[in-house]
Amino acid sequence: MTLIQIQNEEKKIFIFDLIELKSSCNIFFKVILESKTIMKLGFDFRNDTDAFYAQLDIFPTNVLDLQLVEYYFTHNLCSKN
């Protein structure tokens, strides 16, 4: 994991290279990624979560893993009622 993409309320997108930033922005990312009020989207986010925790002591919350959503719908696990 190196890059993180963030979209703000004005729909502006920012891309950050975590390796380049090193620890200078850890608090910024910690506040965002651990916020229970900010929705985070990822695809196969398990490894990212492990890396955030192991490398930056950040445990993301309120995350929707789109891989699970895709699996759920493509394997007809949702009710057709």
Protein backbone atom coordinates (compact mmCIF):
# COMPACT_ATOMS: atom_id res chain seq x y z
CA MET A 1 0.00 0.00 0.00
CA THR A 2 1.40 3.35 -1.00
CA LEU A 3 -1.33 5.49 -2.49
CA ILE A 4 -4.51 6.65 -0.84
CA GLN A 5 -7.26 8.55 -2.64
CA ILE A 6 -9.61 10.89 -0.77
CA GLN A 7 -12.63 12.76 -2.09
CA ASN A 8 -13.95 15.73 -0.14
CA GLU A 9 -17.50 17.10 0.06
CA GLU A 10 -16.85 19.35 -2.95
CA LYS A 11 -16.06 16.18 -4.93
CA LYS A 12 -12.40 17.11 -5.30
CA ILE A 13 -10.11 14.11 -5.33
CA PHE A 14 -6.69 14.04 -3.70
CA ILE A 15 -4.11 11.29 -4.04
CA PHE A 16 -1.44 10.88 -1.39
CA ASP A 17 1.69 8.77 -1.49
CA LEU A 18 2.07 7.47 2.05
CA ILE A 19 5.68 6.43 1.50
CA GLU A 20 6.65 9.94 0.40
CA LEU A 21 4.74 11.61 3.23
CA LYS A 22 6.16 9.22 5.83
CA SER A 23 4.92 10.19 9.27
CA SER A 24 4.22 13.86 8.54
CA CYS A 25 0.50 13.24 7.92
CA ASN A 26 -0.23 10.23 10.15
CA ILE A 27 -2.56 12.22 12.42
CA PHE A 28 -4.46 13.55 9.39
CA PHE A 29 -5.03 10.02 8.03
CA LYS A 30 -5.73 8.58 11.48
CA VAL A 31 -8.54 11.10 12.08
CA ILE A 32 -10.11 10.36 8.69
CA LEU A 33 -9.65 6.59 8.60
CA GLU A 34 -10.73 5.99 12.19
CA SER A 35 -13.75 8.32 11.95
CA LYS A 36 -17.07 6.57 12.48
CA THR A 37 -18.89 9.33 10.59
CA ILE A 38 -16.83 9.27 7.37
CA MET A 39 -17.63 6.39 5.01
CA LYS A 40 -14.59 4.70 3.48
CA LEU A 41 -14.78 2.53 0.36
CA GLY A 42 -12.20 -0.06 -0.61
CA PHE A 43 -11.81 -3.17 -2.71
CA ASP A 44 -10.37 -6.18 -0.88
CA PHE A 45 -9.59 -3.87 2.00
CA ARG A 46 -8.33 -6.59 4.38
CA ASN A 47 -4.66 -6.25 3.45
CA ASP A 48 -4.90 -2.47 3.50
CA THR A 49 -6.39 -2.58 7.00
CA ASP A 50 -3.58 -4.86 8.17
CA ALA A 51 -0.96 -2.55 6.67
CA PHE A 52 -2.51 0.60 8.15
CA TYR A 53 -2.51 -0.99 11.58
CA ALA A 54 0.96 -2.56 11.40
CA GLN A 55 2.76 0.38 9.80
CA LEU A 56 0.86 3.43 11.03
CA ASP A 57 -1.11 2.27 14.09
CA ILE A 58 -4.34 3.21 12.30
CA PHE A 59 -7.41 0.99 12.44
CA PRO A 60 -9.93 2.07 9.77
CA THR A 61 -13.61 2.05 10.76
CA ASN A 62 -16.85 2.50 8.82
CA VAL A 63 -15.38 0.77 5.76
CA LEU A 64 -17.45 -0.76 2.97
CA ASP A 65 -15.46 -3.45 1.14
CA LEU A 66 -16.73 -3.38 -2.44
CA GLN A 67 -15.32 -6.84 -3.11
CA LEU A 68 -17.79 -8.25 -0.59
CA VAL A 69 -20.62 -6.26 -2.13
CA GLU A 70 -19.70 -7.55 -5.59
CA TYR A 71 -19.53 -11.14 -4.28
CA TYR A 72 -22.87 -10.76 -2.55
CA PHE A 73 -24.66 -9.61 -5.70
CA THR A 74 -22.92 -11.86 -8.24
CA HIS A 75 -23.60 -14.97 -6.19
CA ASN A 76 -27.30 -14.16 -5.82
CA LEU A 77 -27.12 -13.91 -2.06
CA CYS A 78 -29.58 -11.05 -1.93
CA SER A 79 -33.28 -11.66 -1.57
CA LYS A 80 -35.32 -11.36 -4.77
CA ASN A 81 -38.47 -10.41 -2.86
